[in-house]
Amino acid sequence: MVDIHTGLGPFGYGEIICDHEPDSLGANTAKHWYGDSVTLPLLGTSFSVPKYGLMDFAWHEIMADSESCCITLEFGTYRTRELFEILLKDHLLWAMTDNDDARAQHAQVMQNYFCPKDCAWRELVLFRSQQVLDQALTGVAG
């Protein structure tokens, strides 16, 4: 499974994040399919931090063998500090106001942060996505 995200890391860089336990079959499969570009938050090699209790972990249990794995392909956009500020404002707008105009304006801010209009960024995303999906298909077929 390839779960595609945006927001963390350098602008346009597509990081392969493997949240499987470092010595697990899933992590070994990811390393076999994707090579040295695989990062593991539990080893501190990722822009992401270790996460616990997310839906991902259901996939980790399902894909816990030598023929499958669950990874996140994370494309960097802008500074992480901006990410937290944007998400906090979104939560506050939904929790504390019924102002649809403010929510719509902020939705555009979020759109611009998570999916930049920059053509080079979009080309990098398309190229890296194709590369990683080809690796996944080759791994599954192998």
Protein backbone atom coordinates (compact mmCIF):
# COMPACT_ATOMS: atom_id res chain seq x y z
CA MET A 1 0.00 0.00 0.00
CA VAL A 2 1.26 3.45 -0.92
CA ASP A 3 -0.44 6.21 1.07
CA ILE A 4 0.32 9.59 -0.55
CA HIS A 5 0.63 12.68 1.67
CA THR A 6 1.93 16.23 1.40
CA GLY A 7 3.31 18.71 3.89
CA LEU A 8 6.47 17.37 5.55
CA GLY A 9 10.00 17.64 4.27
CA PRO A 10 11.85 19.64 1.64
CA PHE A 11 9.83 21.27 -1.14
CA GLY A 12 8.94 18.67 -3.78
CA TYR A 13 10.92 15.82 -2.22
CA GLY A 14 9.05 12.51 -2.06
CA GLU A 15 10.12 10.62 1.05
CA ILE A 16 9.26 6.95 1.44
CA ILE A 17 8.23 6.58 5.08
CA CYS A 18 7.92 3.09 6.54
CA ASP A 19 6.17 2.95 9.91
CA HIS A 20 6.61 -0.81 10.28
CA GLU A 21 8.82 -1.90 13.17
CA PRO A 22 12.47 -1.65 11.99
CA ASP A 23 13.22 -5.40 12.02
CA SER A 24 9.78 -6.55 10.87
CA LEU A 25 8.93 -8.40 7.67
CA GLY A 26 7.06 -5.29 6.44
CA ALA A 27 10.13 -3.07 6.91
CA ASN A 28 12.36 -5.64 5.25
CA THR A 29 9.97 -5.83 2.30
CA ALA A 30 9.94 -2.04 1.99
CA LYS A 31 13.75 -1.95 2.00
CA HIS A 32 13.86 -4.71 -0.61
CA TRP A 33 11.35 -2.97 -2.92
CA TYR A 34 12.44 0.66 -2.46
CA GLY A 35 16.08 0.38 -1.50
CA ASP A 36 18.04 2.83 0.61
CA SER A 37 15.51 5.64 0.11
CA VAL A 38 13.19 4.05 2.72
CA THR A 39 13.10 5.98 5.99
CA LEU A 40 11.88 4.70 9.35
CA PRO A 41 10.59 7.17 11.95
CA LEU A 42 11.30 4.66 14.73
CA LEU A 43 15.00 4.84 13.77
CA GLY A 44 14.98 8.64 13.45
CA THR A 45 15.77 8.56 9.72
CA SER A 46 12.54 10.28 8.60
CA PHE A 47 11.18 13.82 8.54
CA SER A 48 8.16 12.23 10.23
CA VAL A 49 8.06 11.36 13.89
CA PRO A 50 7.02 7.94 15.20
CA LYS A 51 3.24 7.66 15.29
CA TYR A 52 1.06 5.37 17.37
CA GLY A 53 -2.60 4.36 17.21
CA LEU A 54 -3.34 5.52 13.68
CA MET A 55 -5.30 3.65 11.02
CA ASP A 56 -1.91 2.80 9.47
CA PHE A 57 -1.40 0.18 12.14
CA ALA A 58 -4.36 -1.86 10.89
CA TRP A 59 -2.57 -2.01 7.53
CA HIS A 60 0.68 -2.99 9.25
CA GLU A 61 -1.02 -6.04 10.72
CA ILE A 62 -2.58 -6.97 7.37
CA MET A 63 0.70 -6.40 5.51
CA ALA A 64 3.11 -8.13 7.82
CA ASP A 65 4.79 -10.59 5.53
CA SER A 66 7.54 -10.79 2.95
CA GLU A 67 5.15 -10.07 0.08
CA SER A 68 3.63 -6.76 1.18
CA CYS A 69 4.24 -3.57 3.08
CA CYS A 70 2.58 -0.27 3.89
CA ILE A 71 4.46 2.95 3.15
CA THR A 72 3.67 6.64 3.06
CA LEU A 73 4.99 8.70 0.16
CA GLU A 74 5.28 12.18 1.70
CA PHE A 75 5.92 15.21 -0.49
CA GLY A 76 7.39 18.26 1.17
CA THR A 77 5.78 21.64 0.72
CA TYR A 78 6.61 24.56 3.03
CA ARG A 79 7.97 25.05 6.55
CA THR A 80 6.66 22.73 9.26
CA ARG A 81 5.90 25.70 11.54
CA GLU A 82 3.47 26.99 8.89
CA LEU A 83 1.87 23.55 8.75
CA PHE A 84 1.07 23.62 12.47
CA GLU A 85 -0.21 27.20 12.30
CA ILE A 86 -2.48 26.40 9.34
CA LEU A 87 -3.88 23.24 10.94
CA LEU A 88 -4.46 24.98 14.27
CA LYS A 89 -6.33 27.82 12.58
CA ASP A 90 -8.46 25.30 10.68
CA HIS A 91 -9.39 23.48 13.88
CA LEU A 92 -10.22 26.76 15.62
CA LEU A 93 -12.38 27.95 12.73
CA TRP A 94 -14.42 24.76 12.81
CA ALA A 95 -14.63 24.57 16.61
CA MET A 96 -15.32 28.20 17.45
CA THR A 97 -17.17 29.86 14.58
CA ASP A 98 -19.92 29.38 12.06
CA ASN A 99 -18.31 31.90 9.69
CA ASP A 100 -18.49 30.13 6.34
CA ASP A 101 -16.59 32.93 4.57
CA ALA A 102 -13.64 32.63 6.97
CA ARG A 103 -13.68 28.85 6.61
CA ALA A 104 -13.71 29.11 2.80
CA GLN A 105 -10.83 31.59 2.80
CA HIS A 106 -8.82 29.35 5.07
CA ALA A 107 -9.64 26.31 2.93
CA GLN A 108 -7.84 28.10 0.09
CA VAL A 109 -4.82 28.71 2.35
CA MET A 110 -4.75 24.99 3.16
CA GLN A 111 -5.10 24.07 -0.52
CA ASN A 112 -2.14 26.30 -1.40
CA TYR A 113 -0.04 24.83 1.42
CA PHE A 114 -0.74 21.16 0.74
CA CYS A 115 -0.90 21.36 -3.07
CA PRO A 116 1.32 24.22 -4.27
CA LYS A 117 0.54 25.69 -7.66
CA ASP A 118 4.26 25.72 -8.48
CA CYS A 119 4.74 23.75 -11.74
CA ALA A 120 8.14 22.41 -10.68
CA TRP A 121 6.65 21.03 -7.43
CA ARG A 122 3.87 19.30 -9.35
CA GLU A 123 6.33 17.81 -11.85
CA LEU A 124 8.47 16.48 -9.00
CA VAL A 125 5.38 14.89 -7.42
CA LEU A 126 4.34 13.23 -10.66
CA PHE A 127 7.84 11.94 -11.43
CA ARG A 128 8.48 10.54 -7.94
CA SER A 129 4.97 9.06 -7.68
CA GLN A 130 5.47 7.18 -10.95
CA GLN A 131 8.87 5.97 -9.77
CA VAL A 132 7.59 4.69 -6.41
CA LEU A 133 4.44 3.11 -7.88
CA ASP A 134 6.59 1.32 -10.48
CA GLN A 135 8.78 0.00 -7.65
CA ALA A 136 5.67 -1.18 -5.78
CA LEU A 137 4.28 -2.97 -8.82
CA THR A 138 7.64 -4.59 -9.50
CA GLY A 139 7.80 -5.71 -5.87
CA VAL A 140 4.31 -7.17 -5.91
CA ALA A 141 4.96 -8.94 -9.24
CA GLY A 142 8.30 -10.34 -8.02
